[in-house]
Amino acid sequence: MSRLDQSLWAIFRAPLLVAVLSLAGLLLALFIDGPGDVVASALLASVIVATAWALARRRC
């Protein structure tokens, strides 16, 4: 599938998911102490992992 054939949903699905995960992680870290900090860290780390995966996939 070429990039011209993709719908807007297909193009913006991954960036929207990254934005939602990072916003959820930041809000959890801000408002919830204790176990919420672990979940917030995992959410924020998932954004970094997804970005690294996308960059590595693009270079291959």
Protein backbone atom coordinates (compact mmCIF):
# COMPACT_ATOMS: atom_id res chain seq x y z
CA MET A 1 0.00 0.00 0.00
CA SER A 2 1.44 3.33 -0.97
CA ARG A 3 1.25 6.37 1.24
CA LEU A 4 -1.26 7.99 -1.12
CA ASP A 5 -3.72 5.14 -0.59
CA GLN A 6 -3.89 5.53 3.19
CA SER A 7 -6.82 7.17 4.92
CA LEU A 8 -6.42 9.88 7.53
CA TRP A 9 -7.19 7.34 10.26
CA ALA A 10 -4.38 5.08 9.05
CA ILE A 11 -1.95 8.00 9.00
CA PHE A 12 -2.79 9.52 12.39
CA ARG A 13 -3.60 6.34 14.36
CA ALA A 14 -0.08 5.83 15.77
CA PRO A 15 0.60 9.50 16.66
CA LEU A 16 -2.79 9.71 18.35
CA LEU A 17 -2.03 6.59 20.38
CA VAL A 18 1.35 8.03 21.43
CA ALA A 19 -0.31 11.30 22.47
CA VAL A 20 -2.98 9.51 24.52
CA LEU A 21 -0.43 7.27 26.25
CA SER A 22 1.87 10.16 27.12
CA LEU A 23 -0.99 12.33 28.37
CA ALA A 24 -2.31 9.49 30.53
CA GLY A 25 1.17 8.88 31.94
CA LEU A 26 1.72 12.53 32.75
CA LEU A 27 -1.68 12.91 34.41
CA LEU A 28 -1.21 9.73 36.46
CA ALA A 29 2.21 10.92 37.62
CA LEU A 30 0.76 14.28 38.57
CA PHE A 31 -2.34 13.15 40.47
CA ILE A 32 -1.67 9.64 41.84
CA ASP A 33 1.09 8.67 44.26
CA GLY A 34 2.38 5.21 45.06
CA PRO A 35 1.43 2.47 42.59
CA GLY A 36 0.19 5.08 40.13
CA ASP A 37 3.76 6.26 39.69
CA VAL A 38 4.78 2.82 38.42
CA VAL A 39 1.92 2.79 35.92
CA ALA A 40 2.75 6.35 34.84
CA SER A 41 6.40 5.39 34.30
CA ALA A 42 5.36 2.38 32.23
CA LEU A 43 3.06 4.52 30.07
CA LEU A 44 5.76 7.10 29.47
CA ALA A 45 8.34 4.39 28.76
CA SER A 46 6.00 2.81 26.21
CA VAL A 47 6.07 6.04 24.24
CA ILE A 48 9.87 5.97 24.14
CA VAL A 49 9.89 2.30 23.12
CA ALA A 50 7.32 2.90 20.37
CA THR A 51 9.33 5.82 19.01
CA ALA A 52 12.58 3.83 19.01
CA TRP A 53 10.83 0.90 17.32
CA ALA A 54 9.39 3.17 14.61
CA LEU A 55 12.77 4.78 13.95
CA ALA A 56 14.53 1.41 13.78
CA ARG A 57 11.87 0.03 11.45
CA ARG A 58 12.11 3.05 9.17
CA ARG A 59 15.90 2.75 8.77
CA CYS A 60 15.76 -0.90 7.69
